[in-house]
Amino acid sequence: PEKIEICREFKAASNLKYELLSDSNNEVATIYGLVYELPKAAKET
């Protein structure tokens, strides 16, 4: 779900040879039934 620029930075920093796809608002993850919200304690930590 990260922004394209974050994906681009991570791909370059890690020298990945494959593509990262930015799933804005978790739209694809949602139709695949995968989305959940990180719990409050996790957010705080």
PDB file of all heavy atoms in Angstrom:
ATOM      1  N   PRO A   1       0.805  -1.228   0.000  1.00  0.00           N
ATOM      2  CA  PRO A   1       0.000   0.000   0.000  1.00  0.00           C
ATOM      3  C   PRO A   1       0.838   1.278   0.000  1.00  0.00           C
ATOM      4  O   PRO A   1       0.281   2.383  -0.083  1.00  0.00           O
ATOM      5  CB  PRO A   1      -0.811  -0.117   1.296  1.00  0.00           C
ATOM      6  CG  PRO A   1       0.022  -0.967   2.194  1.00  0.00           C
ATOM      7  CD  PRO A   1       0.674  -1.963   1.270  1.00  0.00           C
ATOM      8  N   GLU A   2       2.150   1.154   0.051  1.00  0.00           N
ATOM      9  CA  GLU A   2       2.995   2.345   0.110  1.00  0.00           C
ATOM     10  C   GLU A   2       2.967   3.147  -1.194  1.00  0.00           C
ATOM     11  O   GLU A   2       2.715   2.606  -2.270  1.00  0.00           O
ATOM     12  CB  GLU A   2       4.433   1.949   0.448  1.00  0.00           C
ATOM     13  CG  GLU A   2       4.582   1.446   1.871  1.00  0.00           C
ATOM     14  CD  GLU A   2       6.023   1.200   2.265  1.00  0.00           C
ATOM     15  OE1 GLU A   2       6.804   0.725   1.419  1.00  0.00           O
ATOM     16  OE2 GLU A   2       6.361   1.470   3.420  1.00  0.00           O
ATOM     17  N   LYS A   3       3.246   4.425  -1.058  1.00  0.00           N
ATOM     18  CA  LYS A   3       3.265   5.322  -2.208  1.00  0.00           C
ATOM     19  C   LYS A   3       4.339   4.906  -3.222  1.00  0.00           C
ATOM     20  O   LYS A   3       5.335   4.278  -2.847  1.00  0.00           O
ATOM     21  CB  LYS A   3       3.549   6.763  -1.746  1.00  0.00           C
ATOM     22  CG  LYS A   3       2.507   7.347  -0.827  1.00  0.00           C
ATOM     23  CD  LYS A   3       2.822   8.783  -0.440  1.00  0.00           C
ATOM     24  CE  LYS A   3       4.062   8.877   0.420  1.00  0.00           C
ATOM     25  NZ  LYS A   3       4.313  10.277   0.872  1.00  0.00           N
ATOM     26  N   ILE A   4       4.140   5.284  -4.468  1.00  0.00           N
ATOM     27  CA  ILE A   4       5.078   4.917  -5.532  1.00  0.00           C
ATOM     28  C   ILE A   4       6.491   5.394  -5.211  1.00  0.00           C
ATOM     29  O   ILE A   4       7.467   4.671  -5.423  1.00  0.00           O
ATOM     30  CB  ILE A   4       4.623   5.475  -6.895  1.00  0.00           C
ATOM     31  CG1 ILE A   4       3.429   4.677  -7.426  1.00  0.00           C
ATOM     32  CG2 ILE A   4       5.759   5.420  -7.907  1.00  0.00           C
ATOM     33  CD1 ILE A   4       2.910   5.159  -8.760  1.00  0.00           C
ATOM     34  N   GLU A   5       6.613   6.621  -4.692  1.00  0.00           N
ATOM     35  CA  GLU A   5       7.957   7.129  -4.419  1.00  0.00           C
ATOM     36  C   GLU A   5       8.669   6.326  -3.334  1.00  0.00           C
ATOM     37  O   GLU A   5       9.892   6.145  -3.382  1.00  0.00           O
ATOM     38  CB  GLU A   5       7.922   8.617  -4.054  1.00  0.00           C
ATOM     39  CG  GLU A   5       6.983   8.986  -2.950  1.00  0.00           C
ATOM     40  CD  GLU A   5       5.632   9.474  -3.457  1.00  0.00           C
ATOM     41  OE1 GLU A   5       5.107   8.889  -4.423  1.00  0.00           O
ATOM     42  OE2 GLU A   5       5.113  10.450  -2.864  1.00  0.00           O
ATOM     43  N   ILE A   6       7.918   5.801  -2.376  1.00  0.00           N
ATOM     44  CA  ILE A   6       8.506   4.954  -1.339  1.00  0.00           C
ATOM     45  C   ILE A   6       8.957   3.632  -1.958  1.00  0.00           C
ATOM     46  O   ILE A   6      10.037   3.118  -1.666  1.00  0.00           O
ATOM     47  CB  ILE A   6       7.511   4.697  -0.199  1.00  0.00           C
ATOM     48  CG1 ILE A   6       7.059   6.019   0.438  1.00  0.00           C
ATOM     49  CG2 ILE A   6       8.122   3.774   0.846  1.00  0.00           C
ATOM     50  CD1 ILE A   6       8.137   6.786   1.143  1.00  0.00           C
ATOM     51  N   CYS A   7       8.112   3.080  -2.829  1.00  0.00           N
ATOM     52  CA  CYS A   7       8.468   1.838  -3.540  1.00  0.00           C
ATOM     53  C   CYS A   7       9.728   2.041  -4.365  1.00  0.00           C
ATOM     54  O   CYS A   7      10.627   1.192  -4.376  1.00  0.00           O
ATOM     55  CB  CYS A   7       7.323   1.407  -4.452  1.00  0.00           C
ATOM     56  SG  CYS A   7       5.802   0.909  -3.624  1.00  0.00           S
ATOM     57  N   ARG A   8       9.779   3.168  -5.052  1.00  0.00           N
ATOM     58  CA  ARG A   8      10.923   3.457  -5.924  1.00  0.00           C
ATOM     59  C   ARG A   8      12.210   3.557  -5.110  1.00  0.00           C
ATOM     60  O   ARG A   8      13.252   3.005  -5.483  1.00  0.00           O
ATOM     61  CB  ARG A   8      10.673   4.754  -6.687  1.00  0.00           C
ATOM     62  CG  ARG A   8      11.716   5.076  -7.732  1.00  0.00           C
ATOM     63  CD  ARG A   8      11.418   6.399  -8.424  1.00  0.00           C
ATOM     64  NE  ARG A   8      10.150   6.360  -9.113  1.00  0.00           N
ATOM     65  CZ  ARG A   8       9.109   7.151  -8.829  1.00  0.00           C
ATOM     66  NH1 ARG A   8       9.194   8.050  -7.866  1.00  0.00           N
ATOM     67  NH2 ARG A   8       7.979   7.062  -9.509  1.00  0.00           N
ATOM     68  N   GLU A   9      12.139   4.253  -3.977  1.00  0.00           N
ATOM     69  CA  GLU A   9      13.317   4.412  -3.120  1.00  0.00           C
ATOM     70  C   GLU A   9      13.791   3.069  -2.575  1.00  0.00           C
ATOM     71  O   GLU A   9      14.996   2.787  -2.561  1.00  0.00           O
ATOM     72  CB  GLU A   9      12.986   5.365  -1.969  1.00  0.00           C
ATOM     73  CG  GLU A   9      12.791   6.811  -2.393  1.00  0.00           C
ATOM     74  CD  GLU A   9      12.227   7.672  -1.285  1.00  0.00           C
ATOM     75  OE1 GLU A   9      12.068   7.152  -0.139  1.00  0.00           O
ATOM     76  OE2 GLU A   9      11.924   8.852  -1.538  1.00  0.00           O
ATOM     77  N   PHE A  10      12.836   2.250  -2.135  1.00  0.00           N
ATOM     78  CA  PHE A  10      13.218   0.961  -1.559  1.00  0.00           C
ATOM     79  C   PHE A  10      13.799   0.041  -2.633  1.00  0.00           C
ATOM     80  O   PHE A  10      14.791  -0.654  -2.393  1.00  0.00           O
ATOM     81  CB  PHE A  10      12.026   0.291  -0.895  1.00  0.00           C
ATOM     82  CG  PHE A  10      12.366  -1.043  -0.296  1.00  0.00           C
ATOM     83  CD1 PHE A  10      13.058  -1.123   0.909  1.00  0.00           C
ATOM     84  CD2 PHE A  10      12.034  -2.227  -0.940  1.00  0.00           C
ATOM     85  CE1 PHE A  10      13.401  -2.357   1.455  1.00  0.00           C
ATOM     86  CE2 PHE A  10      12.377  -3.454  -0.409  1.00  0.00           C
ATOM     87  CZ  PHE A  10      13.064  -3.515   0.795  1.00  0.00           C
ATOM     88  N   LYS A  11      13.195   0.031  -3.810  1.00  0.00           N
ATOM     89  CA  LYS A  11      13.691  -0.811  -4.904  1.00  0.00           C
ATOM     90  C   LYS A  11      15.123  -0.427  -5.262  1.00  0.00           C
ATOM     91  O   LYS A  11      15.982  -1.303  -5.446  1.00  0.00           O
ATOM     92  CB  LYS A  11      12.790  -0.678  -6.129  1.00  0.00           C
ATOM     93  CG  LYS A  11      13.177  -1.574  -7.314  1.00  0.00           C
ATOM     94  CD  LYS A  11      12.167  -1.417  -8.446  1.00  0.00           C
ATOM     95  CE  LYS A  11      12.452  -2.402  -9.569  1.00  0.00           C
ATOM     96  NZ  LYS A  11      13.705  -2.103 -10.295  1.00  0.00           N
ATOM     97  N   ALA A  12      15.392   0.862  -5.347  1.00  0.00           N
ATOM     98  CA  ALA A  12      16.732   1.326  -5.696  1.00  0.00           C
ATOM     99  C   ALA A  12      17.729   1.004  -4.586  1.00  0.00           C
ATOM    100  O   ALA A  12      18.838   0.525  -4.850  1.00  0.00           O
ATOM    101  CB  ALA A  12      16.708   2.829  -5.963  1.00  0.00           C
ATOM    102  N   ALA A  13      17.345   1.246  -3.338  1.00  0.00           N
ATOM    103  CA  ALA A  13      18.245   1.014  -2.208  1.00  0.00           C
ATOM    104  C   ALA A  13      18.587  -0.463  -2.048  1.00  0.00           C
ATOM    105  O   ALA A  13      19.686  -0.815  -1.610  1.00  0.00           O
ATOM    106  CB  ALA A  13      17.617   1.547  -0.928  1.00  0.00           C
ATOM    107  N   SER A  14      17.632  -1.324  -2.423  1.00  0.00           N
ATOM    108  CA  SER A  14      17.825  -2.767  -2.269  1.00  0.00           C
ATOM    109  C   SER A  14      18.309  -3.445  -3.542  1.00  0.00           C
ATOM    110  O   SER A  14      18.547  -4.647  -3.553  1.00  0.00           O
ATOM    111  CB  SER A  14      16.507  -3.415  -1.824  1.00  0.00           C
ATOM    112  OG  SER A  14      16.032  -2.838  -0.620  1.00  0.00           O
ATOM    113  N   ASN A  15      18.419  -2.658  -4.631  1.00  0.00           N
ATOM    114  CA  ASN A  15      18.868  -3.190  -5.927  1.00  0.00           C
ATOM    115  C   ASN A  15      18.013  -4.378  -6.384  1.00  0.00           C
ATOM    116  O   ASN A  15      18.540  -5.388  -6.875  1.00  0.00           O
ATOM    117  CB  ASN A  15      20.345  -3.604  -5.856  1.00  0.00           C
ATOM    118  CG  ASN A  15      21.272  -2.419  -5.660  1.00  0.00           C
ATOM    119  OD1 ASN A  15      21.177  -1.418  -6.371  1.00  0.00           O
ATOM    120  ND2 ASN A  15      22.155  -2.512  -4.677  1.00  0.00           N
ATOM    121  N   LEU A  16      16.719  -4.254  -6.219  1.00  0.00           N
ATOM    122  CA  LEU A  16      15.821  -5.335  -6.605  1.00  0.00           C
ATOM    123  C   LEU A  16      15.706  -5.423  -8.125  1.00  0.00           C
ATOM    124  O   LEU A  16      15.626  -4.406  -8.818  1.00  0.00           O
ATOM    125  CB  LEU A  16      14.439  -5.126  -5.992  1.00  0.00           C
ATOM    126  CG  LEU A  16      14.365  -5.085  -4.465  1.00  0.00           C
ATOM    127  CD1 LEU A  16      12.924  -4.878  -4.014  1.00  0.00           C
ATOM    128  CD2 LEU A  16      14.941  -6.350  -3.841  1.00  0.00           C
ATOM    129  N   LYS A  17      15.653  -6.653  -8.624  1.00  0.00           N
ATOM    130  CA  LYS A  17      15.572  -6.882 -10.068  1.00  0.00           C
ATOM    131  C   LYS A  17      14.123  -7.110 -10.533  1.00  0.00           C
ATOM    132  O   LYS A  17      13.901  -7.459 -11.687  1.00  0.00           O
ATOM    133  CB  LYS A  17      16.432  -8.090 -10.451  1.00  0.00           C
ATOM    134  CG  LYS A  17      17.922  -7.888 -10.173  1.00  0.00           C
ATOM    135  CD  LYS A  17      18.760  -9.063 -10.653  1.00  0.00           C
ATOM    136  CE  LYS A  17      18.572 -10.314  -9.802  1.00  0.00           C
ATOM    137  NZ  LYS A  17      19.103 -10.147  -8.422  1.00  0.00           N
ATOM    138  N   TYR A  18      13.176  -6.971  -9.639  1.00  0.00           N
ATOM    139  CA  TYR A  18      11.769  -7.139  -9.997  1.00  0.00           C
ATOM    140  C   TYR A  18      10.987  -5.915  -9.552  1.00  0.00           C
ATOM    141  O   TYR A  18      11.495  -5.083  -8.793  1.00  0.00           O
ATOM    142  CB  TYR A  18      11.189  -8.415  -9.379  1.00  0.00           C
ATOM    143  CG  TYR A  18      11.221  -8.460  -7.860  1.00  0.00           C
ATOM    144  CD1 TYR A  18      10.120  -8.054  -7.116  1.00  0.00           C
ATOM    145  CD2 TYR A  18      12.340  -8.909  -7.175  1.00  0.00           C
ATOM    146  CE1 TYR A  18      10.134  -8.101  -5.727  1.00  0.00           C
ATOM    147  CE2 TYR A  18      12.373  -8.958  -5.793  1.00  0.00           C
ATOM    148  CZ  TYR A  18      11.271  -8.553  -5.064  1.00  0.00           C
ATOM    149  OH  TYR A  18      11.293  -8.586  -3.699  1.00  0.00           O
ATOM    150  N   GLU A  19       9.750  -5.817 -10.024  1.00  0.00           N
ATOM    151  CA  GLU A  19       8.982  -4.601  -9.783  1.00  0.00           C
ATOM    152  C   GLU A  19       8.124  -4.665  -8.515  1.00  0.00           C
ATOM    153  O   GLU A  19       7.596  -5.713  -8.132  1.00  0.00           O
ATOM    154  CB  GLU A  19       8.076  -4.283 -10.970  1.00  0.00           C
ATOM    155  CG  GLU A  19       8.742  -3.441 -12.041  1.00  0.00           C
ATOM    156  CD  GLU A  19       9.191  -2.067 -11.532  1.00  0.00           C
ATOM    157  OE1 GLU A  19       8.645  -1.582 -10.514  1.00  0.00           O
ATOM    158  OE2 GLU A  19      10.081  -1.476 -12.161  1.00  0.00           O
ATOM    159  N   LEU A  20       7.989  -3.477  -7.904  1.00  0.00           N
ATOM    160  CA  LEU A  20       7.088  -3.268  -6.783  1.00  0.00           C
ATOM    161  C   LEU A  20       5.891  -2.486  -7.309  1.00  0.00           C
ATOM    162  O   LEU A  20       6.043  -1.536  -8.075  1.00  0.00           O
ATOM    163  CB  LEU A  20       7.788  -2.470  -5.670  1.00  0.00           C
ATOM    164  CG  LEU A  20       9.147  -2.996  -5.201  1.00  0.00           C
ATOM    165  CD1 LEU A  20       9.704  -2.094  -4.097  1.00  0.00           C
ATOM    166  CD2 LEU A  20       9.048  -4.431  -4.719  1.00  0.00           C
ATOM    167  N   LEU A  21       4.704  -2.901  -6.893  1.00  0.00           N
ATOM    168  CA  LEU A  21       3.474  -2.256  -7.346  1.00  0.00           C
ATOM    169  C   LEU A  21       2.813  -1.522  -6.184  1.00  0.00           C
ATOM    170  O   LEU A  21       2.635  -2.085  -5.106  1.00  0.00           O
ATOM    171  CB  LEU A  21       2.502  -3.290  -7.913  1.00  0.00           C
ATOM    172  CG  LEU A  21       3.033  -4.193  -9.028  1.00  0.00           C
ATOM    173  CD1 LEU A  21       1.936  -5.150  -9.488  1.00  0.00           C
ATOM    174  CD2 LEU A  21       3.563  -3.376 -10.196  1.00  0.00           C
ATOM    175  N   SER A  22       2.472  -0.264  -6.415  1.00  0.00           N
ATOM    176  CA  SER A  22       1.840   0.559  -5.386  1.00  0.00           C
ATOM    177  C   SER A  22       0.326   0.376  -5.415  1.00  0.00           C
ATOM    178  O   SER A  22      -0.334   0.729  -6.389  1.00  0.00           O
ATOM    179  CB  SER A  22       2.192   2.033  -5.610  1.00  0.00           C
ATOM    180  OG  SER A  22       1.514   2.856  -4.682  1.00  0.00           O
ATOM    181  N   ASP A  23      -0.196  -0.188  -4.331  1.00  0.00           N
ATOM    182  CA  ASP A  23      -1.626  -0.475  -4.213  1.00  0.00           C
ATOM    183  C   ASP A  23      -2.279   0.598  -3.350  1.00  0.00           C
ATOM    184  O   ASP A  23      -2.543   0.403  -2.162  1.00  0.00           O
ATOM    185  CB  ASP A  23      -1.820  -1.865  -3.603  1.00  0.00           C
ATOM    186  CG  ASP A  23      -3.276  -2.283  -3.504  1.00  0.00           C
ATOM    187  OD1 ASP A  23      -4.111  -1.680  -4.201  1.00  0.00           O
ATOM    188  OD2 ASP A  23      -3.559  -3.218  -2.731  1.00  0.00           O
ATOM    189  N   SER A  24      -2.510   1.759  -3.962  1.00  0.00           N
ATOM    190  CA  SER A  24      -3.066   2.898  -3.245  1.00  0.00           C
ATOM    191  C   SER A  24      -4.394   2.547  -2.571  1.00  0.00           C
ATOM    192  O   SER A  24      -5.284   1.947  -3.190  1.00  0.00           O
ATOM    193  CB  SER A  24      -3.273   4.060  -4.219  1.00  0.00           C
ATOM    194  OG  SER A  24      -3.827   5.175  -3.574  1.00  0.00           O
ATOM    195  N   ASN A  25      -4.493   2.889  -1.304  1.00  0.00           N
ATOM    196  CA  ASN A  25      -5.698   2.622  -0.503  1.00  0.00           C
ATOM    197  C   ASN A  25      -6.017   1.135  -0.370  1.00  0.00           C
ATOM    198  O   ASN A  25      -7.145   0.762  -0.050  1.00  0.00           O
ATOM    199  CB  ASN A  25      -6.918   3.352  -1.086  1.00  0.00           C
ATOM    200  CG  ASN A  25      -6.761   4.851  -1.063  1.00  0.00           C
ATOM    201  OD1 ASN A  25      -6.345   5.427  -0.061  1.00  0.00           O
ATOM    202  ND2 ASN A  25      -7.069   5.502  -2.175  1.00  0.00           N
ATOM    203  N   ASN A  26      -5.013   0.291  -0.632  1.00  0.00           N
ATOM    204  CA  ASN A  26      -5.191  -1.156  -0.491  1.00  0.00           C
ATOM    205  C   ASN A  26      -6.349  -1.689  -1.341  1.00  0.00           C
ATOM    206  O   ASN A  26      -7.030  -2.644  -0.962  1.00  0.00           O
ATOM    207  CB  ASN A  26      -5.442  -1.531   0.973  1.00  0.00           C
ATOM    208  CG  ASN A  26      -4.166  -1.684   1.770  1.00  0.00           C
ATOM    209  OD1 ASN A  26      -3.317  -2.514   1.462  1.00  0.00           O
ATOM    210  ND2 ASN A  26      -4.038  -0.873   2.812  1.00  0.00           N
ATOM    211  N   GLU A  27      -6.539  -1.090  -2.501  1.00  0.00           N
ATOM    212  CA  GLU A  27      -7.689  -1.477  -3.329  1.00  0.00           C
ATOM    213  C   GLU A  27      -7.604  -2.928  -3.796  1.00  0.00           C
ATOM    214  O   GLU A  27      -8.598  -3.661  -3.769  1.00  0.00           O
ATOM    215  CB  GLU A  27      -7.822  -0.528  -4.517  1.00  0.00           C
ATOM    216  CG  GLU A  27      -8.233   0.881  -4.103  1.00  0.00           C
ATOM    217  CD  GLU A  27      -8.380   1.830  -5.272  1.00  0.00           C
ATOM    218  OE1 GLU A  27      -8.219   1.374  -6.426  1.00  0.00           O
ATOM    219  OE2 GLU A  27      -8.659   3.020  -5.042  1.00  0.00           O
ATOM    220  N   VAL A  28      -6.421  -3.358  -4.229  1.00  0.00           N
ATOM    221  CA  VAL A  28      -6.275  -4.742  -4.695  1.00  0.00           C
ATOM    222  C   VAL A  28      -6.264  -5.695  -3.502  1.00  0.00           C
ATOM    223  O   VAL A  28      -6.909  -6.748  -3.534  1.00  0.00           O
ATOM    224  CB  VAL A  28      -4.993  -4.906  -5.537  1.00  0.00           C
ATOM    225  CG1 VAL A  28      -4.776  -6.372  -5.895  1.00  0.00           C
ATOM    226  CG2 VAL A  28      -5.094  -4.063  -6.802  1.00  0.00           C
ATOM    227  N   ALA A  29      -5.551  -5.335  -2.447  1.00  0.00           N
ATOM    228  CA  ALA A  29      -5.526  -6.176  -1.250  1.00  0.00           C
ATOM    229  C   ALA A  29      -6.933  -6.375  -0.700  1.00  0.00           C
ATOM    230  O   ALA A  29      -7.267  -7.444  -0.177  1.00  0.00           O
ATOM    231  CB  ALA A  29      -4.621  -5.560  -0.184  1.00  0.00           C
ATOM    232  N   THR A  30      -7.782  -5.367  -0.861  1.00  0.00           N
ATOM    233  CA  THR A  30      -9.162  -5.469  -0.378  1.00  0.00           C
ATOM    234  C   THR A  30      -9.949  -6.504  -1.171  1.00  0.00           C
ATOM    235  O   THR A  30     -10.650  -7.343  -0.593  1.00  0.00           O
ATOM    236  CB  THR A  30      -9.867  -4.102  -0.458  1.00  0.00           C
ATOM    237  OG1 THR A  30      -9.216  -3.186   0.443  1.00  0.00           O
ATOM    238  CG2 THR A  30     -11.336  -4.223  -0.066  1.00  0.00           C
ATOM    239  N   ILE A  31      -9.823  -6.481  -2.501  1.00  0.00           N
ATOM    240  CA  ILE A  31     -10.601  -7.445  -3.295  1.00  0.00           C
ATOM    241  C   ILE A  31     -10.056  -8.869  -3.133  1.00  0.00           C
ATOM    242  O   ILE A  31     -10.755  -9.836  -3.415  1.00  0.00           O
ATOM    243  CB  ILE A  31     -10.667  -7.060  -4.794  1.00  0.00           C
ATOM    244  CG1 ILE A  31      -9.287  -7.094  -5.444  1.00  0.00           C
ATOM    245  CG2 ILE A  31     -11.335  -5.712  -4.964  1.00  0.00           C
ATOM    246  CD1 ILE A  31      -9.315  -6.891  -6.956  1.00  0.00           C
ATOM    247  N   TYR A  32      -8.814  -8.970  -2.615  1.00  0.00           N
ATOM    248  CA  TYR A  32      -8.247 -10.278  -2.320  1.00  0.00           C
ATOM    249  C   TYR A  32      -8.487 -10.687  -0.860  1.00  0.00           C
ATOM    250  O   TYR A  32      -8.015 -11.733  -0.423  1.00  0.00           O
ATOM    251  CB  TYR A  32      -6.755 -10.309  -2.651  1.00  0.00           C
ATOM    252  CG  TYR A  32      -6.477 -10.595  -4.114  1.00  0.00           C
ATOM    253  CD1 TYR A  32      -6.716  -9.626  -5.095  1.00  0.00           C
ATOM    254  CD2 TYR A  32      -6.017 -11.831  -4.539  1.00  0.00           C
ATOM    255  CE1 TYR A  32      -6.496  -9.887  -6.439  1.00  0.00           C
ATOM    256  CE2 TYR A  32      -5.789 -12.108  -5.881  1.00  0.00           C
ATOM    257  CZ  TYR A  32      -6.032 -11.129  -6.823  1.00  0.00           C
ATOM    258  OH  TYR A  32      -5.814 -11.403  -8.166  1.00  0.00           O
ATOM    259  N   GLY A  33      -9.228  -9.862  -0.130  1.00  0.00           N
ATOM    260  CA  GLY A  33      -9.621 -10.202   1.243  1.00  0.00           C
ATOM    261  C   GLY A  33      -8.515 -10.130   2.266  1.00  0.00           C
ATOM    262  O   GLY A  33      -8.581 -10.814   3.304  1.00  0.00           O
ATOM    263  N   LEU A  34      -7.509  -9.293   2.036  1.00  0.00           N
ATOM    264  CA  LEU A  34      -6.306  -9.327   2.855  1.00  0.00           C
ATOM    265  C   LEU A  34      -6.136  -8.169   3.831  1.00  0.00           C
ATOM    266  O   LEU A  34      -5.217  -8.183   4.651  1.00  0.00           O
ATOM    267  CB  LEU A  34      -5.069  -9.360   1.941  1.00  0.00           C
ATOM    268  CG  LEU A  34      -4.980 -10.521   0.948  1.00  0.00           C
ATOM    269  CD1 LEU A  34      -3.763 -10.328   0.040  1.00  0.00           C
ATOM    270  CD2 LEU A  34      -4.902 -11.853   1.676  1.00  0.00           C
ATOM    271  N   VAL A  35      -6.981  -7.157   3.786  1.00  0.00           N
ATOM    272  CA  VAL A  35      -6.709  -5.921   4.522  1.00  0.00           C
ATOM    273  C   VAL A  35      -7.160  -5.963   5.980  1.00  0.00           C
ATOM    274  O   VAL A  35      -8.268  -6.386   6.298  1.00  0.00           O
ATOM    275  CB  VAL A  35      -7.370  -4.719   3.815  1.00  0.00           C
ATOM    276  CG1 VAL A  35      -7.100  -3.434   4.583  1.00  0.00           C
ATOM    277  CG2 VAL A  35      -6.844  -4.592   2.391  1.00  0.00           C
ATOM    278  N   TYR A  36      -6.262  -5.504   6.853  1.00  0.00           N
ATOM    279  CA  TYR A  36      -6.614  -5.320   8.272  1.00  0.00           C
ATOM    280  C   TYR A  36      -5.892  -4.085   8.784  1.00  0.00           C
ATOM    281  O   TYR A  36      -4.916  -3.623   8.197  1.00  0.00           O
ATOM    282  CB  TYR A  36      -6.234  -6.546   9.095  1.00  0.00           C
ATOM    283  CG  TYR A  36      -4.744  -6.782   9.261  1.00  0.00           C
ATOM    284  CD1 TYR A  36      -4.082  -6.438  10.436  1.00  0.00           C
ATOM    285  CD2 TYR A  36      -3.990  -7.361   8.233  1.00  0.00           C
ATOM    286  CE1 TYR A  36      -2.719  -6.665  10.586  1.00  0.00           C
ATOM    287  CE2 TYR A  36      -2.626  -7.593   8.377  1.00  0.00           C
ATOM    288  CZ  TYR A  36      -1.996  -7.238   9.557  1.00  0.00           C
ATOM    289  OH  TYR A  36      -0.649  -7.461   9.701  1.00  0.00           O
ATOM    290  N   GLU A  37      -6.381  -3.538   9.885  1.00  0.00           N
ATOM    291  CA  GLU A  37      -5.774  -2.351  10.473  1.00  0.00           C
ATOM    292  C   GLU A  37      -4.845  -2.756  11.612  1.00  0.00           C
ATOM    293  O   GLU A  37      -5.197  -3.596  12.438  1.00  0.00           O
ATOM    294  CB  GLU A  37      -6.839  -1.390  10.996  1.00  0.00           C
ATOM    295  CG  GLU A  37      -6.266  -0.080  11.507  1.00  0.00           C
ATOM    296  CD  GLU A  37      -7.346   0.945  11.839  1.00  0.00           C
ATOM    297  OE1 GLU A  37      -8.539   0.595  11.740  1.00  0.00           O
ATOM    298  OE2 GLU A  37      -6.993   2.086  12.182  1.00  0.00           O
ATOM    299  N   LEU A  38      -3.671  -2.157  11.626  1.00  0.00           N
ATOM    300  CA  LEU A  38      -2.743  -2.434  12.714  1.00  0.00           C
ATOM    301  C   LEU A  38      -3.370  -1.980  14.035  1.00  0.00           C
ATOM    302  O   LEU A  38      -3.965  -0.901  14.098  1.00  0.00           O
ATOM    303  CB  LEU A  38      -1.417  -1.712  12.485  1.00  0.00           C
ATOM    304  CG  LEU A  38      -0.586  -2.213  11.302  1.00  0.00           C
ATOM    305  CD1 LEU A  38       0.622  -1.303  11.087  1.00  0.00           C
ATOM    306  CD2 LEU A  38      -0.126  -3.643  11.522  1.00  0.00           C
ATOM    307  N   PRO A  39      -3.276  -2.790  15.083  1.00  0.00           N
ATOM    308  CA  PRO A  39      -3.898  -2.435  16.363  1.00  0.00           C
ATOM    309  C   PRO A  39      -3.283  -1.191  16.992  1.00  0.00           C
ATOM    310  O   PRO A  39      -2.142  -0.805  16.680  1.00  0.00           O
ATOM    311  CB  PRO A  39      -3.670  -3.678  17.229  1.00  0.00           C
ATOM    312  CG  PRO A  39      -2.543  -4.409  16.583  1.00  0.00           C
ATOM    313  CD  PRO A  39      -2.623  -4.107  15.123  1.00  0.00           C
ATOM    314  N   LYS A  40      -4.043  -0.576  17.890  1.00  0.00           N
ATOM    315  CA  LYS A  40      -3.621   0.682  18.519  1.00  0.00           C
ATOM    316  C   LYS A  40      -2.248   0.573  19.168  1.00  0.00           C
ATOM    317  O   LYS A  40      -1.412   1.463  19.013  1.00  0.00           O
ATOM    318  CB  LYS A  40      -4.662   1.102  19.564  1.00  0.00           C
ATOM    319  CG  LYS A  40      -4.334   2.411  20.263  1.00  0.00           C
ATOM    320  CD  LYS A  40      -5.387   2.776  21.288  1.00  0.00           C
ATOM    321  CE  LYS A  40      -5.031   4.071  22.013  1.00  0.00           C
ATOM    322  NZ  LYS A  40      -6.038   4.410  23.047  1.00  0.00           N
ATOM    323  N   ALA A  41      -1.998  -0.501  19.883  1.00  0.00           N
ATOM    324  CA  ALA A  41      -0.710  -0.662  20.572  1.00  0.00           C
ATOM    325  C   ALA A  41       0.442  -0.710  19.566  1.00  0.00           C
ATOM    326  O   ALA A  41       1.528  -0.179  19.822  1.00  0.00           O
ATOM    327  CB  ALA A  41      -0.715  -1.924  21.423  1.00  0.00           C
ATOM    328  N   ALA A  42       0.192  -1.335  18.422  1.00  0.00           N
ATOM    329  CA  ALA A  42       1.225  -1.412  17.381  1.00  0.00           C
ATOM    330  C   ALA A  42       1.494  -0.024  16.813  1.00  0.00           C
ATOM    331  O   ALA A  42       2.656   0.348  16.560  1.00  0.00           O
ATOM    332  CB  ALA A  42       0.797  -2.367  16.276  1.00  0.00           C
ATOM    333  N   LYS A  43       0.429   0.748  16.605  1.00  0.00           N
ATOM    334  CA  LYS A  43       0.596   2.113  16.099  1.00  0.00           C
ATOM    335  C   LYS A  43       1.438   2.936  17.054  1.00  0.00           C
ATOM    336  O   LYS A  43       2.353   3.669  16.647  1.00  0.00           O
ATOM    337  CB  LYS A  43      -0.772   2.786  15.914  1.00  0.00           C
ATOM    338  CG  LYS A  43      -1.682   2.139  14.897  1.00  0.00           C
ATOM    339  CD  LYS A  43      -3.022   2.856  14.871  1.00  0.00           C
ATOM    340  CE  LYS A  43      -4.044   2.111  14.054  1.00  0.00           C
ATOM    341  NZ  LYS A  43      -5.360   2.787  14.070  1.00  0.00           N
ATOM    342  N   GLU A  44       1.129   2.822  18.342  1.00  0.00           N
ATOM    343  CA  GLU A  44       1.852   3.610  19.342  1.00  0.00           C
ATOM    344  C   GLU A  44       3.323   3.206  19.403  1.00  0.00           C
ATOM    345  O   GLU A  44       4.212   4.072  19.471  1.00  0.00           O
ATOM    346  CB  GLU A  44       1.192   3.426  20.708  1.00  0.00           C
ATOM    347  CG  GLU A  44      -0.200   4.033  20.794  1.00  0.00           C
ATOM    348  CD  GLU A  44      -0.915   3.695  22.087  1.00  0.00           C
ATOM    349  OE1 GLU A  44      -0.423   2.817  22.831  1.00  0.00           O
ATOM    350  OE2 GLU A  44      -1.961   4.320  22.363  1.00  0.00           O
ATOM    351  N   THR A  45       3.582   1.904  19.364  1.00  0.00           N
ATOM    352  CA  THR A  45       4.963   1.429  19.445  1.00  0.00           C
ATOM    353  C   THR A  45       5.747   1.820  18.201  1.00  0.00           C
ATOM    354  O   THR A  45       6.882   2.324  18.287  1.00  0.00           O
ATOM    355  CB  THR A  45       5.010  -0.096  19.629  1.00  0.00           C
ATOM    356  OG1 THR A  45       4.293  -0.447  20.814  1.00  0.00           O
ATOM    357  CG2 THR A  45       6.440  -0.591  19.746  1.00  0.00           C
TER     358      THR A  45
END
